Amino acid sequence: LRHGPGKGRAMQVYKIFRADEWQALQHAGQTAGAPIDLADGYVHLSTGAQVAETLRLHFAGAEGLQLLALEGDSLGDDLRWETSRGGSDFPHLYRHLNIDDVLWGATLVLEGGLHVLPEGVQ
């Protein structure tokens, strides 16, 4: 098991959902994730340093996206750090994402074709 940069200190990780996926989580209280998460068998997350690139590569121009913040340490051993894009370690959640895992959510706006991240995402 590999531990990411947040081991030993509080670290937020982030999930990007389309509006309908966010609504489904709110309604059901939990989700196995977006279609890519279901296909891969875990919920894809990003660190603050990774989320802008994730948005650029996988959600370019998409409107109504919701950025959810989760406390990495509270996810326990179900959060695993695995090498992915560019050789970087990414957080992957190997269980359902529960509404109680969400610290906060923010609707992302587009400016000049790019998503604007909320202040404090790092």
N, C-alpha and C. Protein backbone atom coordinates (compact mmCIF):
# COMPACT_ATOMS: atom_id res chain seq x y z
N LEU A 1 0.85 -1.20 0.00
CA LEU A 1 0.00 0.00 0.00
C LEU A 1 0.88 1.23 0.00
N ARG A 2 0.62 2.12 -0.92
CA ARG A 2 1.39 3.36 -1.00
C ARG A 2 0.58 4.48 -0.37
N HIS A 3 1.27 5.33 0.33
CA HIS A 3 0.60 6.47 0.95
C HIS A 3 1.00 7.73 0.20
N GLY A 4 0.05 8.60 0.04
CA GLY A 4 0.30 9.84 -0.69
C GLY A 4 0.92 10.90 0.18
N PRO A 5 1.02 12.08 -0.39
CA PRO A 5 1.68 13.17 0.30
C PRO A 5 0.97 13.64 1.55
N GLY A 6 -0.29 13.26 1.72
CA GLY A 6 -1.04 13.73 2.88
C GLY A 6 -0.85 12.89 4.13
N LYS A 7 -0.07 11.81 4.05
CA LYS A 7 0.07 10.94 5.22
C LYS A 7 0.70 11.73 6.36
N GLY A 8 0.03 11.68 7.50
CA GLY A 8 0.56 12.36 8.67
C GLY A 8 0.06 13.79 8.84
N ARG A 9 -0.67 14.28 7.86
CA ARG A 9 -1.26 15.62 8.00
C ARG A 9 -2.58 15.65 7.25
N ALA A 10 -3.46 16.55 7.66
CA ALA A 10 -4.76 16.64 7.02
C ALA A 10 -4.59 17.06 5.57
N MET A 11 -5.30 16.39 4.69
CA MET A 11 -5.23 16.72 3.28
C MET A 11 -6.59 16.51 2.63
N GLN A 12 -7.02 17.52 1.91
CA GLN A 12 -8.25 17.38 1.17
C GLN A 12 -7.95 16.76 -0.19
N VAL A 13 -8.87 15.90 -0.63
CA VAL A 13 -8.86 15.36 -1.98
C VAL A 13 -10.20 15.73 -2.59
N TYR A 14 -10.28 15.67 -3.92
CA TYR A 14 -11.42 16.24 -4.61
C TYR A 14 -12.01 15.27 -5.61
N LYS A 15 -13.34 15.35 -5.73
CA LYS A 15 -14.08 14.59 -6.73
C LYS A 15 -14.84 15.57 -7.60
N ILE A 16 -14.78 15.36 -8.90
CA ILE A 16 -15.51 16.19 -9.85
C ILE A 16 -16.72 15.38 -10.32
N PHE A 17 -17.90 15.95 -10.19
CA PHE A 17 -19.12 15.31 -10.66
C PHE A 17 -19.86 16.24 -11.60
N ARG A 18 -20.52 15.63 -12.58
CA ARG A 18 -21.47 16.39 -13.38
C ARG A 18 -22.71 16.61 -12.52
N ALA A 19 -23.54 17.55 -12.92
CA ALA A 19 -24.70 17.94 -12.10
C ALA A 19 -25.60 16.75 -11.76
N ASP A 20 -25.86 15.87 -12.75
CA ASP A 20 -26.76 14.74 -12.48
C ASP A 20 -26.12 13.74 -11.52
N GLU A 21 -24.81 13.58 -11.58
CA GLU A 21 -24.11 12.67 -10.67
C GLU A 21 -24.14 13.21 -9.23
N TRP A 22 -23.99 14.52 -9.08
CA TRP A 22 -24.07 15.17 -7.78
C TRP A 22 -25.48 15.05 -7.21
N GLN A 23 -26.48 15.26 -8.05
CA GLN A 23 -27.87 15.13 -7.60
C GLN A 23 -28.16 13.70 -7.15
N ALA A 24 -27.64 12.72 -7.88
CA ALA A 24 -27.85 11.31 -7.52
C ALA A 24 -27.22 11.00 -6.17
N LEU A 25 -26.02 11.53 -5.91
CA LEU A 25 -25.37 11.33 -4.61
C LEU A 25 -26.19 11.96 -3.50
N GLN A 26 -26.67 13.16 -3.71
CA GLN A 26 -27.49 13.82 -2.69
C GLN A 26 -28.77 13.03 -2.42
N HIS A 27 -29.38 12.50 -3.46
CA HIS A 27 -30.64 11.77 -3.32
C HIS A 27 -30.43 10.42 -2.61
N ALA A 28 -29.41 9.67 -3.04
CA ALA A 28 -29.20 8.32 -2.53
C ALA A 28 -28.34 8.27 -1.27
N GLY A 29 -27.52 9.30 -1.06
CA GLY A 29 -26.65 9.33 0.11
C GLY A 29 -25.32 8.63 -0.11
N GLN A 30 -25.20 7.93 -1.23
CA GLN A 30 -23.93 7.29 -1.58
C GLN A 30 -23.92 7.01 -3.07
N THR A 31 -22.72 6.77 -3.61
CA THR A 31 -22.59 6.47 -5.02
C THR A 31 -21.32 5.65 -5.26
N ALA A 32 -21.38 4.82 -6.27
CA ALA A 32 -20.18 4.10 -6.73
C ALA A 32 -19.40 4.97 -7.70
N GLY A 33 -19.93 6.15 -8.00
CA GLY A 33 -19.22 7.12 -8.82
C GLY A 33 -19.79 7.32 -10.20
N ALA A 34 -18.98 8.00 -11.00
CA ALA A 34 -19.32 8.29 -12.38
C ALA A 34 -19.07 7.05 -13.24
N PRO A 35 -19.50 7.07 -14.50
CA PRO A 35 -19.29 5.89 -15.36
C PRO A 35 -17.84 5.40 -15.38
N ILE A 36 -16.86 6.28 -15.42
CA ILE A 36 -15.46 5.84 -15.43
C ILE A 36 -15.09 5.13 -14.13
N ASP A 37 -15.66 5.60 -13.02
CA ASP A 37 -15.40 4.96 -11.73
C ASP A 37 -15.97 3.54 -11.72
N LEU A 38 -17.18 3.39 -12.23
CA LEU A 38 -17.81 2.08 -12.29
C LEU A 38 -16.99 1.14 -13.16
N ALA A 39 -16.49 1.64 -14.28
CA ALA A 39 -15.69 0.82 -15.19
C ALA A 39 -14.37 0.39 -14.55
N ASP A 40 -13.75 1.29 -13.79
CA ASP A 40 -12.42 1.02 -13.22
C ASP A 40 -12.47 0.33 -11.86
N GLY A 41 -13.63 0.37 -11.19
CA GLY A 41 -13.78 -0.33 -9.92
C GLY A 41 -13.37 0.48 -8.70
N TYR A 42 -13.20 1.77 -8.85
CA TYR A 42 -12.90 2.66 -7.73
C TYR A 42 -13.30 4.08 -8.12
N VAL A 43 -13.42 4.95 -7.11
CA VAL A 43 -13.78 6.33 -7.34
C VAL A 43 -12.50 7.14 -7.56
N HIS A 44 -12.40 7.74 -8.74
CA HIS A 44 -11.24 8.57 -9.07
C HIS A 44 -11.31 9.89 -8.30
N LEU A 45 -10.24 10.23 -7.64
CA LEU A 45 -10.13 11.51 -6.92
C LEU A 45 -8.87 12.21 -7.40
N SER A 46 -8.72 13.46 -7.04
CA SER A 46 -7.53 14.24 -7.36
C SER A 46 -7.11 15.05 -6.14
N THR A 47 -5.83 15.34 -6.07
CA THR A 47 -5.35 16.30 -5.06
C THR A 47 -5.62 17.70 -5.60
N GLY A 48 -5.43 18.69 -4.75
CA GLY A 48 -5.59 20.06 -5.20
C GLY A 48 -4.64 20.41 -6.33
N ALA A 49 -3.44 19.85 -6.29
CA ALA A 49 -2.45 20.12 -7.33
C ALA A 49 -2.81 19.43 -8.65
N GLN A 50 -3.65 18.40 -8.61
CA GLN A 50 -3.99 17.63 -9.80
C GLN A 50 -5.32 18.01 -10.42
N VAL A 51 -6.18 18.67 -9.66
CA VAL A 51 -7.57 18.84 -10.10
C VAL A 51 -7.69 19.71 -11.35
N ALA A 52 -6.89 20.75 -11.51
CA ALA A 52 -7.00 21.60 -12.70
C ALA A 52 -6.68 20.81 -13.96
N GLU A 53 -5.66 19.97 -13.92
CA GLU A 53 -5.30 19.16 -15.07
C GLU A 53 -6.37 18.10 -15.34
N THR A 54 -6.94 17.53 -14.30
CA THR A 54 -8.04 16.57 -14.47
C THR A 54 -9.22 17.25 -15.18
N LEU A 55 -9.53 18.46 -14.77
CA LEU A 55 -10.61 19.20 -15.42
C LEU A 55 -10.28 19.46 -16.88
N ARG A 56 -9.06 19.87 -17.16
CA ARG A 56 -8.65 20.19 -18.53
C ARG A 56 -8.71 18.94 -19.43
N LEU A 57 -8.24 17.82 -18.92
CA LEU A 57 -8.17 16.60 -19.74
C LEU A 57 -9.50 15.88 -19.91
N HIS A 58 -10.32 15.88 -18.87
CA HIS A 58 -11.52 15.04 -18.87
C HIS A 58 -12.84 15.78 -18.86
N PHE A 59 -12.81 17.09 -18.58
CA PHE A 59 -14.07 17.84 -18.46
C PHE A 59 -14.02 19.18 -19.21
N ALA A 60 -13.17 19.29 -20.21
CA ALA A 60 -12.99 20.55 -20.93
C ALA A 60 -14.32 21.10 -21.43
N GLY A 61 -14.61 22.35 -21.05
CA GLY A 61 -15.80 23.04 -21.51
C GLY A 61 -17.11 22.60 -20.88
N ALA A 62 -17.07 21.60 -20.00
CA ALA A 62 -18.31 21.12 -19.38
C ALA A 62 -18.84 22.14 -18.39
N GLU A 63 -20.13 22.38 -18.46
CA GLU A 63 -20.76 23.32 -17.54
C GLU A 63 -21.48 22.57 -16.43
N GLY A 64 -21.70 23.27 -15.31
CA GLY A 64 -22.46 22.71 -14.20
C GLY A 64 -21.73 21.67 -13.39
N LEU A 65 -20.41 21.64 -13.48
CA LEU A 65 -19.65 20.66 -12.70
C LEU A 65 -19.62 21.03 -11.23
N GLN A 66 -19.61 20.02 -10.41
CA GLN A 66 -19.54 20.19 -8.96
C GLN A 66 -18.20 19.65 -8.47
N LEU A 67 -17.47 20.46 -7.73
CA LEU A 67 -16.22 20.02 -7.11
C LEU A 67 -16.52 19.71 -5.65
N LEU A 68 -16.26 18.47 -5.26
CA LEU A 68 -16.51 18.04 -3.88
C LEU A 68 -15.18 17.86 -3.17
N ALA A 69 -15.09 18.38 -1.96
CA ALA A 69 -13.89 18.21 -1.14
C ALA A 69 -14.13 17.14 -0.10
N LEU A 70 -13.15 16.26 0.05
CA LEU A 70 -13.20 15.17 1.03
C LEU A 70 -11.95 15.26 1.89
N GLU A 71 -12.05 14.84 3.14
CA GLU A 71 -10.88 14.78 4.01
C GLU A 71 -10.19 13.44 3.78
N GLY A 72 -9.02 13.47 3.17
CA GLY A 72 -8.32 12.25 2.81
C GLY A 72 -8.12 11.30 3.97
N ASP A 73 -7.68 11.81 5.11
CA ASP A 73 -7.38 10.95 6.25
C ASP A 73 -8.63 10.25 6.78
N SER A 74 -9.79 10.86 6.64
CA SER A 74 -11.02 10.26 7.18
C SER A 74 -11.50 9.08 6.33
N LEU A 75 -10.93 8.90 5.13
CA LEU A 75 -11.33 7.81 4.25
C LEU A 75 -10.64 6.50 4.60
N GLY A 76 -9.63 6.58 5.47
CA GLY A 76 -8.97 5.38 5.98
C GLY A 76 -8.27 4.56 4.91
N ASP A 77 -8.25 3.26 5.13
CA ASP A 77 -7.54 2.35 4.24
C ASP A 77 -8.25 2.16 2.91
N ASP A 78 -9.48 2.67 2.77
CA ASP A 78 -10.18 2.58 1.50
C ASP A 78 -9.63 3.57 0.48
N LEU A 79 -8.84 4.54 0.95
CA LEU A 79 -8.17 5.49 0.06
C LEU A 79 -6.78 4.96 -0.23
N ARG A 80 -6.53 4.70 -1.50
CA ARG A 80 -5.22 4.18 -1.90
C ARG A 80 -4.59 5.13 -2.91
N TRP A 81 -3.28 5.29 -2.80
CA TRP A 81 -2.52 6.15 -3.71
C TRP A 81 -1.86 5.26 -4.74
N GLU A 82 -2.23 5.50 -6.01
CA GLU A 82 -1.73 4.65 -7.08
C GLU A 82 -1.20 5.50 -8.23
N THR A 83 -0.14 5.01 -8.85
CA THR A 83 0.49 5.73 -9.95
C THR A 83 -0.45 5.76 -11.15
N SER A 84 -0.61 6.94 -11.71
CA SER A 84 -1.50 7.12 -12.83
C SER A 84 -0.86 8.11 -13.80
N ARG A 85 -1.64 9.07 -14.27
CA ARG A 85 -1.22 10.02 -15.29
C ARG A 85 0.14 10.64 -14.99
N GLY A 86 1.04 10.54 -15.93
CA GLY A 86 2.34 11.18 -15.81
C GLY A 86 3.21 10.62 -14.70
N GLY A 87 2.89 9.43 -14.22
CA GLY A 87 3.69 8.83 -13.15
C GLY A 87 3.39 9.37 -11.77
N SER A 88 2.38 10.24 -11.66
CA SER A 88 2.00 10.81 -10.36
C SER A 88 1.10 9.85 -9.60
N ASP A 89 1.17 9.92 -8.28
CA ASP A 89 0.27 9.14 -7.43
C ASP A 89 -1.05 9.88 -7.29
N PHE A 90 -2.13 9.17 -7.60
CA PHE A 90 -3.47 9.73 -7.50
C PHE A 90 -4.24 9.00 -6.41
N PRO A 91 -5.13 9.70 -5.70
CA PRO A 91 -5.98 9.05 -4.71
C PRO A 91 -7.15 8.34 -5.38
N HIS A 92 -7.35 7.09 -5.01
CA HIS A 92 -8.47 6.28 -5.50
C HIS A 92 -9.22 5.72 -4.30
N LEU A 93 -10.53 5.86 -4.31
CA LEU A 93 -11.37 5.39 -3.21
C LEU A 93 -12.00 4.06 -3.58
N TYR A 94 -11.66 3.03 -2.80
CA TYR A 94 -12.15 1.67 -3.06
C TYR A 94 -13.35 1.34 -2.18
N ARG A 95 -14.35 2.16 -2.25
CA ARG A 95 -15.65 1.92 -1.63
C ARG A 95 -16.59 2.99 -2.18
N HIS A 96 -17.85 2.89 -1.82
CA HIS A 96 -18.80 3.93 -2.23
C HIS A 96 -18.41 5.26 -1.61
N LEU A 97 -18.66 6.31 -2.33
CA LEU A 97 -18.52 7.66 -1.81
C LEU A 97 -19.83 8.01 -1.11
N ASN A 98 -19.75 8.36 0.16
CA ASN A 98 -20.95 8.69 0.95
C ASN A 98 -21.11 10.18 1.05
N ILE A 99 -22.33 10.64 1.12
CA ILE A 99 -22.58 12.07 1.26
C ILE A 99 -21.90 12.61 2.52
N ASP A 100 -21.78 11.78 3.56
CA ASP A 100 -21.13 12.21 4.79
C ASP A 100 -19.63 12.41 4.62
N ASP A 101 -19.05 11.88 3.54
CA ASP A 101 -17.62 12.10 3.25
C ASP A 101 -17.35 13.50 2.74
N VAL A 102 -18.38 14.18 2.25
CA VAL A 102 -18.21 15.47 1.58
C VAL A 102 -18.11 16.59 2.62
N LEU A 103 -16.96 17.28 2.60
CA LEU A 103 -16.77 18.44 3.47
C LEU A 103 -17.50 19.65 2.93
N TRP A 104 -17.38 19.87 1.66
CA TRP A 104 -18.08 20.97 0.97
C TRP A 104 -18.10 20.69 -0.52
N GLY A 105 -18.99 21.39 -1.18
CA GLY A 105 -19.10 21.31 -2.64
C GLY A 105 -19.23 22.69 -3.22
N ALA A 106 -18.75 22.88 -4.44
CA ALA A 106 -18.85 24.16 -5.12
C ALA A 106 -19.10 23.91 -6.60
N THR A 107 -20.02 24.68 -7.17
CA THR A 107 -20.26 24.61 -8.60
C THR A 107 -19.15 25.38 -9.30
N LEU A 108 -18.51 24.72 -10.27
CA LEU A 108 -17.41 25.35 -10.99
C LEU A 108 -17.96 26.19 -12.13
N VAL A 109 -17.40 27.39 -12.29
CA VAL A 109 -17.78 28.26 -13.39
C VAL A 109 -16.66 28.25 -14.44
N LEU A 110 -17.06 28.53 -15.66
CA LEU A 110 -16.11 28.61 -16.76
C LEU A 110 -15.77 30.07 -17.04
N GLU A 111 -14.51 30.36 -17.17
CA GLU A 111 -14.06 31.69 -17.60
C GLU A 111 -13.02 31.49 -18.68
N GLY A 112 -13.33 32.00 -19.88
CA GLY A 112 -12.40 31.83 -21.00
C GLY A 112 -12.17 30.38 -21.35
N GLY A 113 -13.20 29.54 -21.12
CA GLY A 113 -13.11 28.13 -21.45
C GLY A 113 -12.45 27.27 -20.39
N LEU A 114 -11.98 27.88 -19.30
CA LEU A 114 -11.32 27.13 -18.23
C LEU A 114 -12.15 27.19 -16.96
N HIS A 115 -12.12 26.11 -16.18
CA HIS A 115 -12.84 26.07 -14.92
C HIS A 115 -12.08 26.85 -13.87
N VAL A 116 -12.81 27.63 -13.10
CA VAL A 116 -12.22 28.42 -12.02
C VAL A 116 -12.38 27.64 -10.73
N LEU A 117 -11.26 27.34 -10.09
CA LEU A 117 -11.30 26.59 -8.83
C LEU A 117 -11.59 27.53 -7.67
N PRO A 118 -12.32 27.04 -6.67
CA PRO A 118 -12.58 27.85 -5.48
C PRO A 118 -11.27 28.20 -4.77
N GLU A 119 -11.26 29.31 -4.11
CA GLU A 119 -10.09 29.72 -3.34
C GLU A 119 -9.77 28.67 -2.29
N GLY A 120 -8.51 28.39 -2.11
CA GLY A 120 -8.10 27.45 -1.10
C GLY A 120 -7.88 26.04 -1.59
N VAL A 121 -8.25 25.75 -2.86
CA VAL A 121 -7.99 24.43 -3.42
C VAL A 121 -6.50 24.35 -3.75
N GLN A 122 -5.82 23.44 -3.06
CA GLN A 122 -4.38 23.32 -3.29
C GLN A 122 -3.89 21.94 -3.00
